[in-house]
């Protein structure tokens, strides 16, 4: 009977070690996700000014190409 008890404890130890490695890996992934979240928030905050282009006044803009009357 003690042999079964020892085997049971060995299996429990192996299961706990497997869970510990999985928890460590999940903690690493969670850390990366937090970093990515902060970077994405920064990108989203900086994006709207770039999308809203300033109005361009066509009168001030020089025309390109050949125009009659200009020398």
PDB file of N, CA and C in Angstrom:
ATOM      1  N   UNK A   1       0.817  -1.182   0.000  1.00  0.00           N
ATOM      2  CA  UNK A   1       0.000   0.000   0.000  1.00  0.00           C
ATOM      3  C   UNK A   1       0.868   1.256   0.000  1.00  0.00           C
ATOM      4  N   UNK A   2       2.016   1.226   0.683  1.00  0.00           N
ATOM      5  CA  UNK A   2       2.879   2.400   0.745  1.00  0.00           C
ATOM      6  C   UNK A   2       3.461   2.723  -0.625  1.00  0.00           C
ATOM      7  N   UNK A   3       3.632   1.719  -1.482  1.00  0.00           N
ATOM      8  CA  UNK A   3       4.124   1.954  -2.830  1.00  0.00           C
ATOM      9  C   UNK A   3       3.140   2.809  -3.621  1.00  0.00           C
ATOM     10  N   UNK A   4       1.848   2.537  -3.499  1.00  0.00           N
ATOM     11  CA  UNK A   4       0.822   3.335  -4.167  1.00  0.00           C
ATOM     12  C   UNK A   4       0.816   4.763  -3.628  1.00  0.00           C
ATOM     13  N   UNK A   5       1.046   4.887  -2.355  1.00  0.00           N
ATOM     14  CA  UNK A   5       1.082   6.205  -1.733  1.00  0.00           C
ATOM     15  C   UNK A   5       2.269   7.015  -2.248  1.00  0.00           C
ATOM     16  N   UNK A   6       3.418   6.394  -2.371  1.00  0.00           N
ATOM     17  CA  UNK A   6       4.606   7.073  -2.894  1.00  0.00           C
ATOM     18  C   UNK A   6       4.387   7.467  -4.344  1.00  0.00           C
ATOM     19  N   UNK A   7       3.818   6.583  -5.143  1.00  0.00           N
ATOM     20  CA  UNK A   7       3.537   6.899  -6.557  1.00  0.00           C
ATOM     21  C   UNK A   7       2.552   8.061  -6.663  1.00  0.00           C
ATOM     22  N   UNK A   8       1.567   8.070  -5.794  1.00  0.00           N
ATOM     23  CA  UNK A   8       0.591   9.168  -5.816  1.00  0.00           C
ATOM     24  C   UNK A   8       1.273  10.501  -5.515  1.00  0.00           C
ATOM     25  N   UNK A   9       2.163  10.523  -4.529  1.00  0.00           N
ATOM     26  CA  UNK A   9       2.873  11.752  -4.198  1.00  0.00           C
ATOM     27  C   UNK A   9       3.829  12.174  -5.310  1.00  0.00           C
ATOM     28  N   UNK A  10       4.436  11.218  -5.970  1.00  0.00           N
ATOM     29  CA  UNK A  10       5.314  11.533  -7.101  1.00  0.00           C
ATOM     30  C   UNK A  10       4.503  12.159  -8.227  1.00  0.00           C
ATOM     31  N   UNK A  11       3.334  11.612  -8.522  1.00  0.00           N
ATOM     32  CA  UNK A  11       2.468  12.182  -9.557  1.00  0.00           C
ATOM     33  C   UNK A  11       1.993  13.575  -9.166  1.00  0.00           C
ATOM     34  N   UNK A  12       1.682  13.767  -7.892  1.00  0.00           N
ATOM     35  CA  UNK A  12       1.264  15.104  -7.432  1.00  0.00           C
ATOM     36  C   UNK A  12       2.395  16.112  -7.603  1.00  0.00           C
ATOM     37  N   UNK A  13       3.641  15.696  -7.276  1.00  0.00           N
ATOM     38  CA  UNK A  13       4.784  16.587  -7.423  1.00  0.00           C
ATOM     39  C   UNK A  13       4.992  16.953  -8.887  1.00  0.00           C
ATOM     40  N   UNK A  14       4.893  15.974  -9.786  1.00  0.00           N
ATOM     41  CA  UNK A  14       5.051  16.237 -11.213  1.00  0.00           C
ATOM     42  C   UNK A  14       3.967  17.178 -11.724  1.00  0.00           C
ATOM     43  N   UNK A  15       2.743  16.987 -11.264  1.00  0.00           N
ATOM     44  CA  UNK A  15       1.647  17.865 -11.673  1.00  0.00           C
ATOM     45  C   UNK A  15       1.880  19.284 -11.176  1.00  0.00           C
ATOM     46  N   UNK A  16       2.346  19.424  -9.951  1.00  0.00           N
ATOM     47  CA  UNK A  16       2.620  20.760  -9.412  1.00  0.00           C
ATOM     48  C   UNK A  16       3.753  21.446 -10.163  1.00  0.00           C
ATOM     49  N   UNK A  17       4.787  20.704 -10.524  1.00  0.00           N
ATOM     50  CA  UNK A  17       5.883  21.288 -11.298  1.00  0.00           C
ATOM     51  C   UNK A  17       5.411  21.728 -12.681  1.00  0.00           C
ATOM     52  N   UNK A  18       4.566  20.903 -13.290  1.00  0.00           N
ATOM     53  CA  UNK A  18       4.024  21.264 -14.610  1.00  0.00           C
ATOM     54  C   UNK A  18       3.178  22.526 -14.497  1.00  0.00           C
ATOM     55  N   UNK A  19       2.381  22.613 -13.449  1.00  0.00           N
ATOM     56  CA  UNK A  19       1.560  23.806 -13.249  1.00  0.00           C
ATOM     57  C   UNK A  19       2.428  25.028 -12.979  1.00  0.00           C
ATOM     58  N   UNK A  20       3.508  24.843 -12.243  1.00  0.00           N
ATOM     59  CA  UNK A  20       4.396  25.963 -11.939  1.00  0.00           C
ATOM     60  C   UNK A  20       5.031  26.522 -13.209  1.00  0.00           C
ATOM     61  N   UNK A  21       5.466  25.637 -14.114  1.00  0.00           N
ATOM     62  CA  UNK A  21       6.060  26.115 -15.368  1.00  0.00           C
ATOM     63  C   UNK A  21       5.014  26.809 -16.226  1.00  0.00           C
ATOM     64  N   UNK A  22       3.791  26.291 -16.227  1.00  0.00           N
ATOM     65  CA  UNK A  22       2.728  26.948 -16.990  1.00  0.00           C
ATOM     66  C   UNK A  22       2.406  28.313 -16.407  1.00  0.00           C
ATOM     67  N   UNK A  23       2.372  28.424 -15.094  1.00  0.00           N
ATOM     68  CA  UNK A  23       2.091  29.707 -14.458  1.00  0.00           C
ATOM     69  C   UNK A  23       3.204  30.711 -14.741  1.00  0.00           C
ATOM     70  N   UNK A  24       4.433  30.248 -14.753  1.00  0.00           N
ATOM     71  CA  UNK A  24       5.552  31.135 -15.072  1.00  0.00           C
ATOM     72  C   UNK A  24       5.440  31.638 -16.509  1.00  0.00           C
ATOM     73  N   UNK A  25       5.105  30.738 -17.414  1.00  0.00           N
ATOM     74  CA  UNK A  25       4.946  31.132 -18.827  1.00  0.00           C
ATOM     75  C   UNK A  25       3.782  32.109 -18.994  1.00  0.00           C
ATOM     76  N   UNK A  26       2.685  31.862 -18.296  1.00  0.00           N
ATOM     77  CA  UNK A  26       1.553  32.784 -18.357  1.00  0.00           C
ATOM     78  C   UNK A  26       1.913  34.155 -17.804  1.00  0.00           C
ATOM     79  N   UNK A  27       2.728  34.193 -16.764  1.00  0.00           N
ATOM     80  CA  UNK A  27       3.167  35.474 -16.215  1.00  0.00           C
ATOM     81  C   UNK A  27       4.022  36.235 -17.227  1.00  0.00           C
ATOM     82  N   UNK A  28       4.891  35.529 -17.945  1.00  0.00           N
ATOM     83  CA  UNK A  28       5.697  36.168 -18.990  1.00  0.00           C
ATOM     84  C   UNK A  28       4.804  36.733 -20.093  1.00  0.00           C
ATOM     85  N   UNK A  29       3.821  35.964 -20.509  1.00  0.00           N
ATOM     86  CA  UNK A  29       2.899  36.413 -21.561  1.00  0.00           C
ATOM     87  C   UNK A  29       2.105  37.625 -21.088  1.00  0.00           C
ATOM     88  N   UNK A  30       1.661  37.610 -19.842  1.00  0.00           N
ATOM     89  CA  UNK A  30       0.908  38.738 -19.296  1.00  0.00           C
ATOM     90  C   UNK A  30       1.778  39.997 -19.268  1.00  0.00           C
ATOM     91  N   UNK A  31       3.049  39.844 -18.941  1.00  0.00           N
ATOM     92  CA  UNK A  31       3.957  40.990 -18.959  1.00  0.00           C
ATOM     93  C   UNK A  31       4.114  41.568 -20.349  1.00  0.00           C
ATOM     94  N   UNK A  32       4.253  40.709 -21.324  1.00  0.00           N
ATOM     95  CA  UNK A  32       4.363  41.184 -22.710  1.00  0.00           C
ATOM     96  C   UNK A  32       3.082  41.882 -23.148  1.00  0.00           C
ATOM     97  N   UNK A  33       1.948  41.349 -22.767  1.00  0.00           N
ATOM     98  CA  UNK A  33       0.679  41.966 -23.143  1.00  0.00           C
ATOM     99  C   UNK A  33       0.548  43.355 -22.535  1.00  0.00           C
ATOM    100  N   UNK A  34       1.009  43.525 -21.299  1.00  0.00           N
ATOM    101  CA  UNK A  34       0.966  44.849 -20.674  1.00  0.00           C
ATOM    102  C   UNK A  34       1.847  45.830 -21.444  1.00  0.00           C
ATOM    103  N   UNK A  35       3.023  45.377 -21.872  1.00  0.00           N
ATOM    104  CA  UNK A  35       3.902  46.235 -22.671  1.00  0.00           C
ATOM    105  C   UNK A  35       3.233  46.599 -23.994  1.00  0.00           C
ATOM    106  N   UNK A  36       2.635  45.625 -24.646  1.00  0.00           N
ATOM    107  CA  UNK A  36       1.979  45.875 -25.927  1.00  0.00           C
ATOM    108  C   UNK A  36       0.795  46.810 -25.751  1.00  0.00           C
ATOM    109  N   UNK A  37       0.054  46.659 -24.664  1.00  0.00           N
ATOM    110  CA  UNK A  37      -1.078  47.547 -24.410  1.00  0.00           C
ATOM    111  C   UNK A  37      -0.618  48.993 -24.280  1.00  0.00           C
ATOM    112  N   UNK A  38       0.460  49.205 -23.560  1.00  0.00           N
ATOM    113  CA  UNK A  38       0.938  50.578 -23.382  1.00  0.00           C
ATOM    114  C   UNK A  38       1.419  51.156 -24.707  1.00  0.00           C
ATOM    115  N   UNK A  39       2.080  50.356 -25.514  1.00  0.00           N
ATOM    116  CA  UNK A  39       2.552  50.842 -26.820  1.00  0.00           C
ATOM    117  C   UNK A  39       1.363  51.136 -27.731  1.00  0.00           C
ATOM    118  N   UNK A  40       0.373  50.277 -27.732  1.00  0.00           N
ATOM    119  CA  UNK A  40      -0.806  50.508 -28.571  1.00  0.00           C
ATOM    120  C   UNK A  40      -1.576  51.742 -28.127  1.00  0.00           C
ATOM    121  N   UNK A  41      -1.676  51.976 -26.811  1.00  0.00           N
ATOM    122  CA  UNK A  41      -2.339  53.194 -26.333  1.00  0.00           C
ATOM    123  C   UNK A  41      -1.613  54.437 -26.824  1.00  0.00           C
ATOM    124  N   UNK A  42      -0.296  54.391 -26.789  1.00  0.00           N
ATOM    125  CA  UNK A  42       0.492  55.529 -27.270  1.00  0.00           C
ATOM    126  C   UNK A  42       0.269  55.757 -28.761  1.00  0.00           C
ATOM    127  N   UNK A  43       0.221  54.690 -29.533  1.00  0.00           N
ATOM    128  CA  UNK A  43      -0.024  54.814 -30.971  1.00  0.00           C
ATOM    129  C   UNK A  43      -1.402  55.413 -31.232  1.00  0.00           C
ATOM    130  N   UNK A  44      -2.400  54.934 -30.499  1.00  0.00           N
ATOM    131  CA  UNK A  44      -3.764  55.440 -30.688  1.00  0.00           C
ATOM    132  C   UNK A  44      -3.849  56.910 -30.298  1.00  0.00           C
ATOM    133  N   UNK A  45      -3.119  57.322 -29.267  1.00  0.00           N
ATOM    134  CA  UNK A  45      -3.136  58.724 -28.856  1.00  0.00           C
ATOM    135  C   UNK A  45      -2.452  59.620 -29.883  1.00  0.00           C
ATOM    136  N   UNK A  46      -1.412  59.129 -30.521  1.00  0.00           N
ATOM    137  CA  UNK A  46      -0.667  59.946 -31.488  1.00  0.00           C
ATOM    138  C   UNK A  46      -1.269  59.914 -32.894  1.00  0.00           C
ATOM    139  N   UNK A  47      -2.161  58.993 -33.162  1.00  0.00           N
ATOM    140  CA  UNK A  47      -2.696  58.816 -34.515  1.00  0.00           C
ATOM    141  C   UNK A  47      -3.681  59.902 -34.961  1.00  0.00           C
ATOM    142  N   UNK A  48      -4.642  60.341 -34.162  1.00  0.00           N
ATOM    143  CA  UNK A  48      -5.627  61.319 -34.655  1.00  0.00           C
ATOM    144  C   UNK A  48      -5.041  62.600 -35.235  1.00  0.00           C
ATOM    145  N   UNK A  49      -4.030  63.221 -34.632  1.00  0.00           N
ATOM    146  CA  UNK A  49      -3.480  64.418 -35.281  1.00  0.00           C
ATOM    147  C   UNK A  49      -2.896  64.137 -36.665  1.00  0.00           C
ATOM    148  N   UNK A  50      -2.388  62.952 -36.852  1.00  0.00           N
ATOM    149  CA  UNK A  50      -1.823  62.618 -38.162  1.00  0.00           C
ATOM    150  C   UNK A  50      -2.917  62.362 -39.195  1.00  0.00           C
ATOM    151  N   UNK A  51      -4.057  61.856 -38.744  1.00  0.00           N
ATOM    152  CA  UNK A  51      -5.152  61.581 -39.670  1.00  0.00           C
ATOM    153  C   UNK A  51      -5.892  62.846 -40.077  1.00  0.00           C
ATOM    154  N   UNK A  52      -5.940  63.837 -39.185  1.00  0.00           N
ATOM    155  CA  UNK A  52      -6.600  65.102 -39.493  1.00  0.00           C
ATOM    156  C   UNK A  52      -5.598  66.033 -40.148  1.00  0.00           C
ATOM    157  N   UNK A  53      -5.498  65.945 -41.466  1.00  0.00           N
ATOM    158  CA  UNK A  53      -4.544  66.764 -42.207  1.00  0.00           C
ATOM    159  C   UNK A  53      -5.018  68.211 -42.221  1.00  0.00           C
ATOM    160  N   UNK A  54      -4.106  69.165 -42.108  1.00  0.00           N
ATOM    161  CA  UNK A  54      -4.511  70.571 -42.145  1.00  0.00           C
ATOM    162  C   UNK A  54      -5.031  70.933 -43.535  1.00  0.00           C
ATOM    163  N   UNK A  55      -5.936  71.885 -43.560  1.00  0.00           N
ATOM    164  CA  UNK A  55      -6.506  72.332 -44.837  1.00  0.00           C
ATOM    165  C   UNK A  55      -5.423  73.049 -45.639  1.00  0.00           C
ATOM    166  N   UNK A  56      -5.355  72.751 -46.923  1.00  0.00           N
ATOM    167  CA  UNK A  56      -4.347  73.340 -47.797  1.00  0.00           C
ATOM    168  C   UNK A  56      -5.019  74.408 -48.630  1.00  0.00           C
ATOM    169  N   UNK A  57      -4.443  75.611 -48.614  1.00  0.00           N
ATOM    170  CA  UNK A  57      -4.976  76.726 -49.401  1.00  0.00           C
ATOM    171  C   UNK A  57      -4.408  76.608 -50.820  1.00  0.00           C
ATOM    172  N   UNK A  58      -5.293  76.390 -51.804  1.00  0.00           N
ATOM    173  CA  UNK A  58      -4.852  76.192 -53.185  1.00  0.00           C
ATOM    174  C   UNK A  58      -4.283  77.463 -53.791  1.00  0.00           C
ATOM    175  N   UNK A  59      -4.673  78.645 -53.286  1.00  0.00           N
ATOM    176  CA  UNK A  59      -4.172  79.898 -53.846  1.00  0.00           C
ATOM    177  C   UNK A  59      -2.686  80.076 -53.556  1.00  0.00           C
ATOM    178  N   UNK A  60      -2.207  79.623 -52.407  1.00  0.00           N
ATOM    179  CA  UNK A  60      -0.802  79.782 -52.040  1.00  0.00           C
ATOM    180  C   UNK A  60       0.078  78.705 -52.657  1.00  0.00           C
ATOM    181  N   UNK A  61      -0.534  77.659 -53.104  1.00  0.00           N
ATOM    182  CA  UNK A  61       0.213  76.527 -53.622  1.00  0.00           C
ATOM    183  C   UNK A  61       0.672  76.820 -55.058  1.00  0.00           C
ATOM    184  N   UNK A  62       1.968  76.681 -55.361  1.00  0.00           N
ATOM    185  CA  UNK A  62       2.414  76.938 -56.731  1.00  0.00           C
ATOM    186  C   UNK A  62       1.921  75.830 -57.665  1.00  0.00           C
ATOM    187  N   UNK A  63       1.549  76.276 -58.850  1.00  0.00           N
ATOM    188  CA  UNK A  63       1.068  75.310 -59.836  1.00  0.00           C
ATOM    189  C   UNK A  63       2.249  74.720 -60.575  1.00  0.00           C
ATOM    190  N   UNK A  64       2.124  73.450 -60.890  1.00  0.00           N
ATOM    191  CA  UNK A  64       3.203  72.723 -61.547  1.00  0.00           C
ATOM    192  C   UNK A  64       2.827  72.537 -63.007  1.00  0.00           C
ATOM    193  N   UNK A  65       3.808  72.692 -63.889  1.00  0.00           N
ATOM    194  CA  UNK A  65       3.581  72.434 -65.297  1.00  0.00           C
ATOM    195  C   UNK A  65       3.672  73.702 -66.138  1.00  0.00           C
ATOM    196  N   UNK A  66       3.340  73.577 -67.425  1.00  0.00           N
ATOM    197  CA  UNK A  66       3.412  74.696 -68.355  1.00  0.00           C
ATOM    198  C   UNK A  66       2.125  75.496 -68.284  1.00  0.00           C
ATOM    199  N   UNK A  67       2.272  76.818 -68.153  1.00  0.00           N
ATOM    200  CA  UNK A  67       1.114  77.713 -68.136  1.00  0.00           C
ATOM    201  C   UNK A  67       1.367  78.846 -69.119  1.00  0.00           C
ATOM    202  N   UNK A  68       0.385  79.139 -69.924  1.00  0.00           N
ATOM    203  CA  UNK A  68       0.526  80.223 -70.909  1.00  0.00           C
ATOM    204  C   UNK A  68       0.588  81.553 -70.173  1.00  0.00           C
ATOM    205  N   UNK A  69       1.426  82.388 -70.673  1.00  0.00           N
ATOM    206  CA  UNK A  69       1.569  83.722 -70.098  1.00  0.00           C
ATOM    207  C   UNK A  69       2.698  83.817 -69.097  1.00  0.00           C
ATOM    208  N   UNK A  70       3.213  82.751 -68.640  1.00  0.00           N
ATOM    209  CA  UNK A  70       4.334  82.786 -67.705  1.00  0.00           C
ATOM    210  C   UNK A  70       5.635  82.593 -68.496  1.00  0.00           C
ATOM    211  N   UNK A  71       6.616  83.354 -68.152  1.00  0.00           N
ATOM    212  CA  UNK A  71       7.882  83.200 -68.846  1.00  0.00           C
ATOM    213  C   UNK A  71       8.926  82.685 -67.930  1.00  0.00           C
TER     214      UNK A  71
END
